[in-house]
N, C-alpha and C. Protein backbone atom coordinates (compact mmCIF):
# COMPACT_ATOMS: atom_id res chain seq x y z
N UNK A 1 -9.82 -0.57 -7.94
CA UNK A 1 -11.41 -0.61 -7.07
C UNK A 1 -12.64 -1.36 -7.59
N UNK A 2 -13.65 -2.18 -7.17
CA UNK A 2 -14.69 -2.35 -7.57
C UNK A 2 -15.64 -1.36 -6.51
N UNK A 3 -16.91 -0.98 -6.84
CA UNK A 3 -17.55 -0.12 -5.74
C UNK A 3 -17.64 -0.94 -4.62
N UNK A 4 -17.72 -0.23 -3.85
CA UNK A 4 -17.97 -1.19 -2.29
C UNK A 4 -16.97 -1.45 -2.14
N UNK A 5 -15.63 -1.82 -2.88
CA UNK A 5 -14.15 -2.71 -1.80
C UNK A 5 -13.76 -1.86 -0.99
N UNK A 6 -13.53 -2.68 0.26
CA UNK A 6 -13.03 -2.42 1.42
C UNK A 6 -11.60 -2.08 1.25
N UNK A 7 -10.71 -1.46 1.30
CA UNK A 7 -9.34 -1.18 1.13
C UNK A 7 -8.38 -0.76 2.17
N UNK A 8 -6.91 -1.22 2.33
CA UNK A 8 -6.11 -0.96 3.01
C UNK A 8 -4.89 -0.01 2.24
N UNK A 9 -4.76 0.63 2.80
CA UNK A 9 -3.20 1.39 1.76
C UNK A 9 -2.37 1.30 3.26
N UNK A 10 -0.89 0.35 2.62
CA UNK A 10 0.13 0.19 4.03
C UNK A 10 1.25 1.07 3.39
N UNK A 11 1.67 2.10 4.32
CA UNK A 11 2.80 3.26 4.28
C UNK A 11 1.86 4.08 3.55
N UNK A 12 0.54 4.47 4.52
CA UNK A 12 -0.53 5.48 3.78
C UNK A 12 0.41 6.94 3.31
N UNK A 13 1.66 7.34 4.08
CA UNK A 13 2.08 8.52 3.79
C UNK A 13 1.42 9.49 4.32
N UNK A 14 0.91 10.39 3.81
CA UNK A 14 -0.19 11.90 4.22
C UNK A 14 -1.63 11.37 3.93
N UNK A 15 -2.06 10.07 3.42
CA UNK A 15 -3.18 9.97 3.18
C UNK A 15 -4.09 10.51 1.86
N UNK A 16 -3.33 10.48 0.87
CA UNK A 16 -3.51 10.68 -0.29
C UNK A 16 -4.52 9.78 -1.31
N UNK A 17 -4.30 8.56 -0.74
CA UNK A 17 -4.84 7.13 -1.08
C UNK A 17 -6.11 7.24 -0.53
N UNK A 18 -6.27 7.80 0.71
CA UNK A 18 -7.39 7.49 1.89
C UNK A 18 -8.65 8.44 1.13
N UNK A 19 -7.70 10.17 0.82
CA UNK A 19 -8.85 10.65 0.38
C UNK A 19 -9.47 10.43 -0.67
N UNK A 20 -8.21 10.05 -1.87
CA UNK A 20 -9.20 9.72 -3.06
C UNK A 20 -10.41 8.42 -2.96
N UNK A 21 -9.88 7.38 -2.81
CA UNK A 21 -10.79 6.11 -2.26
C UNK A 21 -11.57 6.56 -1.61
N UNK A 22 -11.70 7.34 -0.38
CA UNK A 22 -13.14 7.43 0.57
C UNK A 22 -13.93 8.61 -0.12
N UNK A 23 -13.08 9.41 -0.85
CA UNK A 23 -13.80 10.25 -1.73
C UNK A 23 -15.19 9.69 -3.07
N UNK A 24 -14.30 8.74 -3.20
CA UNK A 24 -15.26 7.67 -4.27
C UNK A 24 -15.72 6.96 -3.51
N UNK A 25 -16.31 6.92 -2.23
CA UNK A 25 -17.21 5.92 -1.69
C UNK A 25 -16.35 4.66 -0.93
N UNK A 26 -15.26 4.69 -0.94
CA UNK A 26 -14.90 3.45 -0.21
C UNK A 26 -14.69 3.58 1.17
N UNK A 27 -14.51 2.28 1.68
CA UNK A 27 -14.30 2.52 3.21
C UNK A 27 -12.59 2.12 3.11
N UNK A 28 -11.62 3.05 3.69
CA UNK A 28 -10.49 2.81 3.39
C UNK A 28 -9.52 3.01 4.97
N UNK A 29 -8.66 2.07 5.16
CA UNK A 29 -7.75 2.23 6.37
C UNK A 29 -6.49 2.57 5.57
N UNK A 30 -5.58 2.90 6.65
CA UNK A 30 -4.18 3.49 6.43
C UNK A 30 -3.30 3.12 7.57
N UNK A 31 -2.34 2.73 7.14
CA UNK A 31 -1.01 2.28 8.13
C UNK A 31 0.13 2.96 8.22
N UNK A 32 0.70 3.54 8.88
CA UNK A 32 1.57 4.58 8.48
C UNK A 32 2.63 4.56 9.50
N UNK A 33 3.70 4.59 9.89
CA UNK A 33 4.89 4.08 10.83
C UNK A 33 5.37 5.75 10.99
N UNK A 34 5.53 6.74 10.63
CA UNK A 34 6.29 7.73 10.13
C UNK A 34 5.13 9.05 11.23
N UNK A 35 5.31 9.33 12.13
CA UNK A 35 4.54 10.25 13.64
C UNK A 35 4.34 11.35 12.65
N UNK A 36 5.41 12.19 11.87
CA UNK A 36 4.92 13.29 11.22
C UNK A 36 4.20 13.66 10.23
N UNK A 37 3.82 12.30 9.18
CA UNK A 37 3.19 11.96 8.18
C UNK A 37 1.64 11.98 8.77
N UNK A 38 1.60 11.63 10.12
CA UNK A 38 0.09 11.32 10.72
C UNK A 38 -0.17 12.68 11.19
N UNK A 39 0.76 13.64 11.81
CA UNK A 39 0.18 15.14 11.87
C UNK A 39 -0.34 15.55 10.51
N UNK A 40 0.10 15.30 9.67
CA UNK A 40 -0.04 16.22 8.51
C UNK A 40 -1.36 15.16 8.14
N UNK A 41 -1.46 14.36 8.33
CA UNK A 41 -2.83 13.54 8.04
C UNK A 41 -4.35 14.13 8.64
N UNK A 42 -3.90 14.14 9.84
CA UNK A 42 -4.86 14.48 11.12
C UNK A 42 -5.41 16.01 10.48
N UNK A 43 -4.45 16.45 10.34
CA UNK A 43 -4.58 18.40 10.05
C UNK A 43 -5.58 18.21 8.24
N UNK A 44 -5.03 17.16 7.36
CA UNK A 44 -5.85 17.34 6.21
C UNK A 44 -7.04 16.45 6.59
N UNK A 45 -7.46 15.37 7.31
CA UNK A 45 -8.64 14.86 7.54
C UNK A 45 -9.55 15.97 8.00
N UNK A 46 -9.27 16.94 9.02
CA UNK A 46 -10.26 17.25 9.70
C UNK A 46 -10.59 18.53 8.60
N UNK A 47 -10.27 18.43 7.39
CA UNK A 47 -10.93 19.55 6.61
C UNK A 47 -11.61 18.71 5.72
N UNK A 48 -11.50 17.47 5.53
CA UNK A 48 -12.71 16.81 4.66
C UNK A 48 -13.92 16.82 4.76
N UNK A 49 -14.37 16.67 4.20
CA UNK A 49 -16.16 16.33 4.20
C UNK A 49 -16.64 15.75 5.28
N UNK A 50 -17.31 15.71 6.10
CA UNK A 50 -17.92 14.73 7.40
C UNK A 50 -17.74 13.23 6.34
N UNK A 51 -18.77 12.86 5.68
CA UNK A 51 -19.09 11.78 5.17
C UNK A 51 -17.69 11.00 4.60
N UNK A 52 -17.09 11.64 4.11
CA UNK A 52 -15.52 11.44 3.51
C UNK A 52 -14.70 10.97 4.60
N UNK A 53 -14.70 11.77 5.76
CA UNK A 53 -13.77 11.19 6.70
C UNK A 53 -14.30 10.13 7.25
N UNK A 54 -15.37 9.85 7.69
CA UNK A 54 -16.05 9.02 8.43
C UNK A 54 -15.62 7.49 7.57
N UNK A 55 -15.41 7.76 6.20
CA UNK A 55 -14.65 6.10 5.63
C UNK A 55 -13.57 6.27 5.55
N UNK A 56 -12.81 6.94 6.34
CA UNK A 56 -11.36 6.35 6.84
C UNK A 56 -10.96 6.31 8.14
N UNK A 57 -9.90 5.43 8.31
CA UNK A 57 -9.26 5.21 9.62
C UNK A 57 -7.60 5.37 9.04
N UNK A 58 -6.83 5.70 10.04
CA UNK A 58 -5.43 5.75 9.91
C UNK A 58 -4.58 5.50 10.91
N UNK A 59 -3.64 4.52 11.34
CA UNK A 59 -2.90 4.50 12.63
C UNK A 59 -1.60 4.75 12.52
N UNK A 60 -0.71 4.97 13.18
CA UNK A 60 0.56 5.20 13.56
C UNK A 60 1.23 3.93 14.42
N UNK A 61 1.44 2.63 13.13
CA UNK A 61 1.94 1.95 13.72
C UNK A 61 2.89 0.96 12.99
N UNK A 62 4.17 -0.06 12.99
CA UNK A 62 4.49 -0.51 11.79
C UNK A 62 3.45 -1.63 11.50
N UNK A 63 3.20 -1.72 10.57
CA UNK A 63 2.46 -3.16 9.98
C UNK A 63 2.63 -4.03 10.45
N UNK A 64 3.81 -4.66 10.43
CA UNK A 64 3.98 -6.05 11.10
C UNK A 64 3.32 -5.67 12.32
N UNK A 65 3.24 -4.99 13.41
CA UNK A 65 2.73 -5.21 14.85
C UNK A 65 1.30 -4.76 14.77
N UNK A 66 0.64 -4.24 13.61
CA UNK A 66 -0.94 -3.70 13.42
C UNK A 66 -1.65 -5.05 13.53
N UNK A 67 -2.73 -4.72 14.13
CA UNK A 67 -4.14 -5.77 14.34
C UNK A 67 -5.08 -5.52 13.62
N UNK A 68 -5.39 -5.83 12.48
CA UNK A 68 -6.39 -5.56 11.74
C UNK A 68 -7.75 -6.36 12.12
N UNK A 69 -8.90 -5.54 12.22
CA UNK A 69 -9.99 -5.83 12.69
C UNK A 69 -10.83 -6.56 11.72
N UNK A 70 -10.52 -6.14 10.29
CA UNK A 70 -11.32 -6.57 9.22
C UNK A 70 -10.52 -7.02 7.92
N UNK A 71 -10.98 -7.81 7.01
CA UNK A 71 -10.38 -8.19 5.62
C UNK A 71 -10.87 -7.20 4.93
N UNK A 72 -9.79 -7.43 3.65
CA UNK A 72 -9.86 -6.21 2.86
C UNK A 72 -9.83 -6.80 1.07
N UNK A 73 -10.73 -6.19 0.54
CA UNK A 73 -10.88 -6.01 -0.78
C UNK A 73 -9.51 -6.08 -1.71
N UNK A 74 -9.02 -5.03 -1.29
CA UNK A 74 -7.96 -4.49 -1.95
C UNK A 74 -6.82 -3.72 -1.33
N UNK A 75 -5.45 -4.15 -1.36
CA UNK A 75 -4.22 -3.61 -0.61
C UNK A 75 -3.66 -3.15 -1.37
N UNK A 76 -3.25 -1.83 -1.12
CA UNK A 76 -2.14 -1.34 -1.98
C UNK A 76 -0.76 -1.18 -0.96
N UNK A 77 0.50 -1.28 -1.46
CA UNK A 77 1.78 -1.43 -0.97
C UNK A 77 2.65 -0.60 -1.75
N UNK A 78 2.96 0.82 -1.71
CA UNK A 78 3.28 1.53 -2.34
C UNK A 78 4.44 2.20 -1.93
N UNK A 79 5.70 1.64 -2.49
CA UNK A 79 7.27 2.33 -1.97
C UNK A 79 7.35 1.90 -0.69
N UNK A 80 7.41 0.76 -0.16
CA UNK A 80 7.30 0.33 1.00
C UNK A 80 8.45 -1.05 1.57
N UNK A 81 8.24 -1.75 0.68
CA UNK A 81 8.76 -3.12 0.79
C UNK A 81 10.21 -2.97 0.69
N UNK A 82 11.00 -1.90 -0.17
CA UNK A 82 12.27 -1.44 0.07
C UNK A 82 13.12 -1.30 1.34
N UNK A 83 12.07 -0.84 2.41
CA UNK A 83 12.21 -0.06 3.80
C UNK A 83 12.20 -0.99 4.55
N UNK A 84 11.36 -2.35 4.56
CA UNK A 84 11.00 -3.42 5.93
C UNK A 84 12.29 -4.40 5.88
N UNK A 85 12.53 -4.60 7.10
CA UNK A 85 13.38 -5.98 7.38
C UNK A 85 13.10 -7.04 6.78
N UNK A 86 11.89 -7.28 6.53
CA UNK A 86 11.78 -8.79 6.27
C UNK A 86 10.21 -8.88 5.44
N UNK A 87 10.57 -8.63 4.32
CA UNK A 87 9.76 -8.18 3.23
C UNK A 87 8.59 -9.58 2.94
N UNK A 88 9.67 -10.56 2.86
CA UNK A 88 8.64 -11.94 3.17
C UNK A 88 7.34 -12.31 3.58
N UNK A 89 7.68 -12.05 4.92
CA UNK A 89 6.89 -11.89 6.28
C UNK A 89 5.87 -10.90 6.18
N UNK A 90 6.08 -9.66 5.36
CA UNK A 90 5.23 -8.03 5.33
C UNK A 90 4.33 -8.73 4.25
N UNK A 91 4.91 -9.19 3.17
CA UNK A 91 3.59 -9.75 2.08
C UNK A 91 2.96 -10.66 2.29
N UNK A 92 3.42 -11.89 3.38
CA UNK A 92 2.56 -13.23 3.85
C UNK A 92 1.23 -12.03 4.84
N UNK A 93 1.60 -11.51 5.52
CA UNK A 93 0.61 -10.79 6.38
C UNK A 93 -0.52 -9.98 5.72
N UNK A 94 0.25 -9.28 4.43
CA UNK A 94 -1.23 -8.69 3.76
C UNK A 94 -1.52 -9.56 3.13
N UNK A 95 -1.20 -11.08 2.70
CA UNK A 95 -1.83 -11.76 1.87
C UNK A 95 -3.02 -12.24 2.95
N UNK A 96 -2.74 -12.43 4.40
CA UNK A 96 -3.64 -12.90 5.08
C UNK A 96 -4.84 -11.90 5.58
N UNK A 97 -4.40 -10.94 5.29
CA UNK A 97 -5.61 -9.72 5.25
C UNK A 97 -6.71 -9.53 4.01
N UNK A 98 -6.45 -10.39 2.69
CA UNK A 98 -7.19 -10.24 2.01
C UNK A 98 -8.49 -11.20 2.06
N UNK A 99 -9.53 -10.22 1.44
CA UNK A 99 -10.64 -11.33 1.45
C UNK A 99 -10.28 -12.31 0.12
N UNK A 100 -11.32 -13.36 0.28
CA UNK A 100 -11.37 -14.58 -1.27
C UNK A 100 -11.23 -13.24 -2.45
N UNK A 101 -10.94 -13.86 -3.31
CA UNK A 101 -10.77 -12.66 -4.85
C UNK A 101 -10.44 -11.29 -4.56
N UNK A 102 -9.54 -11.06 -3.32
CA UNK A 102 -9.18 -9.77 -3.41
C UNK A 102 -7.66 -9.51 -3.76
N UNK A 103 -7.49 -8.20 -4.28
CA UNK A 103 -6.27 -8.04 -4.83
C UNK A 103 -4.82 -7.27 -4.00
N UNK A 104 -4.09 -7.65 -4.56
CA UNK A 104 -2.83 -6.73 -3.59
C UNK A 104 -1.98 -6.16 -4.96
N UNK A 105 -1.54 -4.84 -4.98
CA UNK A 105 -0.66 -4.00 -5.48
C UNK A 105 0.16 -3.61 -5.09
N UNK A 106 1.26 -4.21 -5.45
CA UNK A 106 2.54 -3.80 -4.73
C UNK A 106 3.40 -3.06 -5.79
N UNK A 107 4.31 -1.79 -5.04
CA UNK A 107 5.08 -1.40 -6.07
C UNK A 107 6.22 -0.58 -5.12
N UNK A 108 7.30 -0.73 -6.23
CA UNK A 108 8.71 -0.56 -5.62
C UNK A 108 9.99 0.53 -6.82
N UNK A 109 10.23 1.02 -5.68
CA UNK A 109 11.54 1.61 -6.99
C UNK A 109 12.31 0.39 -7.86
N UNK A 110 12.29 0.56 -9.21
CA UNK A 110 12.96 -0.45 -10.28
C UNK A 110 14.87 -0.30 -9.77
N UNK A 111 15.18 0.74 -9.05
CA UNK A 111 16.47 0.80 -8.68
C UNK A 111 16.58 1.11 -7.36
N UNK A 112 17.92 0.52 -6.68
CA UNK A 112 18.02 1.16 -5.27
C UNK A 112 18.14 2.87 -5.21
N UNK A 113 17.27 3.15 -4.05
CA UNK A 113 17.33 4.77 -4.10
C UNK A 113 18.03 5.20 -2.60
N UNK A 114 18.29 6.44 -2.39
CA UNK A 114 18.97 6.74 -1.35
C UNK A 114 18.52 6.60 0.23
N UNK A 115 16.98 6.23 0.24
CA UNK A 115 16.32 5.78 1.08
C UNK A 115 16.07 4.60 1.40
N UNK A 116 16.47 3.69 0.30
CA UNK A 116 16.07 2.27 0.36
C UNK A 116 17.42 1.44 1.08
N UNK A 117 16.60 0.33 1.96
CA UNK A 117 17.30 -0.79 2.57
C UNK A 117 17.82 -1.55 1.73
N UNK A 118 17.27 -2.16 0.57
CA UNK A 118 17.42 -3.12 -0.53
C UNK A 118 16.54 -2.72 -1.65
N UNK A 119 17.56 -3.37 -2.69
CA UNK A 119 16.70 -3.24 -4.06
C UNK A 119 15.56 -4.55 -4.17
N UNK A 120 14.16 -4.26 -4.26
CA UNK A 120 13.26 -5.27 -4.51
C UNK A 120 13.10 -5.53 -6.27
N UNK A 121 13.26 -6.60 -6.58
CA UNK A 121 12.96 -6.93 -8.01
C UNK A 121 11.65 -7.01 -8.38
N UNK A 122 10.88 -7.17 -9.65
CA UNK A 122 9.51 -7.61 -9.95
C UNK A 122 9.73 -9.32 -9.33
N UNK A 123 10.83 -9.83 -9.79
CA UNK A 123 11.02 -11.31 -9.46
C UNK A 123 10.84 -12.02 -8.22
N UNK A 124 11.24 -10.65 -7.17
CA UNK A 124 11.23 -10.87 -5.68
C UNK A 124 9.58 -10.72 -5.05
N UNK A 125 8.79 -9.70 -5.88
CA UNK A 125 7.69 -9.68 -5.34
C UNK A 125 7.01 -10.84 -5.85
N UNK A 126 7.16 -11.34 -6.72
CA UNK A 126 6.27 -12.04 -7.47
C UNK A 126 6.72 -13.68 -6.74
N UNK A 127 7.51 -14.10 -6.17
CA UNK A 127 7.87 -15.07 -5.34
C UNK A 127 7.14 -15.18 -4.05
N UNK A 128 7.34 -13.93 -3.41
CA UNK A 128 6.72 -13.42 -1.92
C UNK A 128 5.09 -13.60 -2.31
N UNK A 129 5.19 -13.43 -3.34
CA UNK A 129 3.01 -13.42 -3.45
C UNK A 129 2.88 -14.84 -3.61
N UNK A 130 3.83 -15.62 -4.29
CA UNK A 130 3.32 -17.30 -4.71
C UNK A 130 3.33 -17.73 -3.31
N UNK A 131 4.51 -17.60 -2.58
CA UNK A 131 4.90 -18.21 -1.39
C UNK A 131 3.47 -17.94 -0.31
N UNK A 132 3.07 -16.50 -0.39
CA UNK A 132 1.97 -16.39 0.02
C UNK A 132 0.67 -16.86 -0.13
N UNK A 133 0.70 -17.57 -1.09
CA UNK A 133 -0.65 -18.43 -1.59
C UNK A 133 -1.37 -17.39 -2.75
N UNK A 134 -1.14 -16.29 -3.28
CA UNK A 134 -1.57 -15.69 -4.17
C UNK A 134 -1.53 -16.03 -5.58
N UNK A 135 -2.27 -15.58 -6.59
CA UNK A 135 -2.04 -15.81 -7.85
C UNK A 135 -1.77 -14.59 -8.27
N UNK A 136 -0.23 -14.41 -8.86
CA UNK A 136 0.27 -13.24 -9.64
C UNK A 136 -0.19 -12.96 -10.73
N UNK A 137 -1.16 -11.78 -11.37
CA UNK A 137 -1.43 -11.56 -12.49
C UNK A 137 -0.45 -10.79 -13.15
N UNK A 138 0.25 -10.16 -12.72
CA UNK A 138 1.24 -8.98 -13.41
C UNK A 138 2.12 -8.50 -12.85
N UNK A 139 3.57 -8.50 -13.72
CA UNK A 139 4.60 -8.00 -13.21
C UNK A 139 5.07 -6.98 -14.25
N UNK A 140 5.22 -5.98 -14.02
CA UNK A 140 5.90 -4.93 -15.10
C UNK A 140 6.60 -3.59 -14.38
N UNK A 141 7.13 -2.98 -15.53
CA UNK A 141 8.03 -1.62 -15.14
C UNK A 141 6.85 -0.62 -15.80
N UNK A 142 7.13 0.81 -14.97
CA UNK A 142 6.63 1.74 -15.68
C UNK A 142 7.77 2.73 -15.72
N UNK A 143 7.60 3.78 -16.61
CA UNK A 143 8.63 4.67 -16.60
C UNK A 143 8.23 5.71 -15.79
N UNK A 144 9.16 6.65 -15.19
CA UNK A 144 9.08 7.60 -13.85
C UNK A 144 8.30 8.94 -14.46
N UNK A 145 7.28 9.23 -13.37
CA UNK A 145 6.61 10.49 -13.45
C UNK A 145 7.50 11.54 -13.11
N UNK A 146 7.58 12.32 -13.58
CA UNK A 146 8.56 13.72 -13.09
C UNK A 146 7.55 14.29 -12.23
N UNK A 147 8.27 14.50 -11.17
CA UNK A 147 7.60 15.24 -10.37
C UNK A 147 8.41 16.88 -10.07
N UNK A 148 7.37 17.96 -9.91
CA UNK A 148 7.86 19.12 -9.59
C UNK A 148 8.34 19.40 -8.23
N UNK A 149 8.25 18.63 -7.27
CA UNK A 149 8.12 18.63 -6.13
C UNK A 149 8.40 17.50 -5.05
N UNK A 150 8.88 17.20 -4.17
CA UNK A 150 8.74 15.62 -3.26
C UNK A 150 10.14 15.16 -3.36
N UNK A 151 10.28 14.26 -2.65
CA UNK A 151 12.05 13.53 -2.50
C UNK A 151 12.38 13.55 -3.55
N UNK A 152 14.05 13.68 -3.55
CA UNK A 152 14.79 13.62 -4.82
C UNK A 152 14.68 12.13 -5.60
N UNK A 153 14.13 11.00 -4.88
CA UNK A 153 14.18 9.83 -5.21
C UNK A 153 12.79 9.71 -6.44
N UNK A 154 11.94 10.61 -6.41
CA UNK A 154 10.56 10.59 -6.95
C UNK A 154 11.10 10.55 -8.73
N UNK A 155 10.88 9.89 -9.54
CA UNK A 155 11.19 10.13 -11.03
C UNK A 155 12.15 8.90 -11.05
N UNK A 156 11.66 8.08 -10.64
CA UNK A 156 12.51 6.65 -10.54
C UNK A 156 11.52 5.70 -11.08
N UNK A 157 11.69 5.29 -12.15
CA UNK A 157 10.85 4.28 -12.86
C UNK A 157 10.66 2.98 -11.25
N UNK A 158 9.48 2.58 -11.82
CA UNK A 158 8.54 1.64 -10.64
C UNK A 158 8.62 0.32 -11.31
N UNK A 159 8.61 -1.00 -10.31
CA UNK A 159 8.44 -2.12 -10.81
C UNK A 159 7.05 -2.48 -9.63
N UNK A 160 5.94 -2.72 -10.64
CA UNK A 160 4.70 -3.35 -9.96
C UNK A 160 4.18 -4.66 -10.35
N UNK A 161 3.81 -4.96 -9.00
CA UNK A 161 3.27 -6.61 -8.72
C UNK A 161 2.08 -6.73 -8.57
N UNK A 162 1.09 -7.18 -9.62
CA UNK A 162 -0.68 -7.14 -9.02
C UNK A 162 -0.81 -8.84 -8.66
N UNK A 163 -1.50 -9.03 -7.65
CA UNK A 163 -1.51 -10.53 -7.35
C UNK A 163 -3.08 -10.36 -6.78
N UNK A 164 -3.34 -11.75 -6.58
CA UNK A 164 -5.15 -12.06 -5.85
C UNK A 164 -5.18 -13.21 -5.17
N UNK A 165 -6.02 -13.41 -4.10
CA UNK A 165 -6.23 -14.15 -3.40
C UNK A 165 -7.07 -15.48 -3.86
N UNK A 166 -6.86 -16.20 -4.08
CA UNK A 166 -7.96 -17.01 -4.79
C UNK A 166 -9.40 -17.22 -3.78
N UNK A 167 -10.30 -17.42 -4.50
CA UNK A 167 -11.48 -17.25 -3.96
C UNK A 167 -11.63 -18.57 -3.36
N UNK A 168 -12.30 -18.71 -1.70
CA UNK A 168 -12.33 -19.72 -1.33
C UNK A 168 -13.82 -20.69 -1.41
């Protein structure tokens, strides 16, 4: 992200991206459906420097139902699309929240995992972004990062799609 960008993290988990980007000076909102993750986030947030904490907001609600009160310069959506019932509409909503020139970063496992409802390909993400009026700048796959701890499906290659909203 560029200095001063306002960021949205969809599927914010326990707030790792919120802490990282708020520490760097960004305003960042998170949306997370898992109540247990929210409890962990609130405990982590309570330990943050008050200035960093003030730059974060997170709510526990399905993204499809969430009503944003601003647009975003950057939106992150990592390992979410393979779980939602209508990923195309999900991408449309994300695109509608981007400021002109804003960027959307999507990632998904390159193979179906034990927790996935579906396999989402780079071609799927590219098509959904284009259908939502975004310009896709890059689609690629990265090799797995070996995690010492965490879910058993960590360590799976990721498919990444980066898109931007045309300036108005």
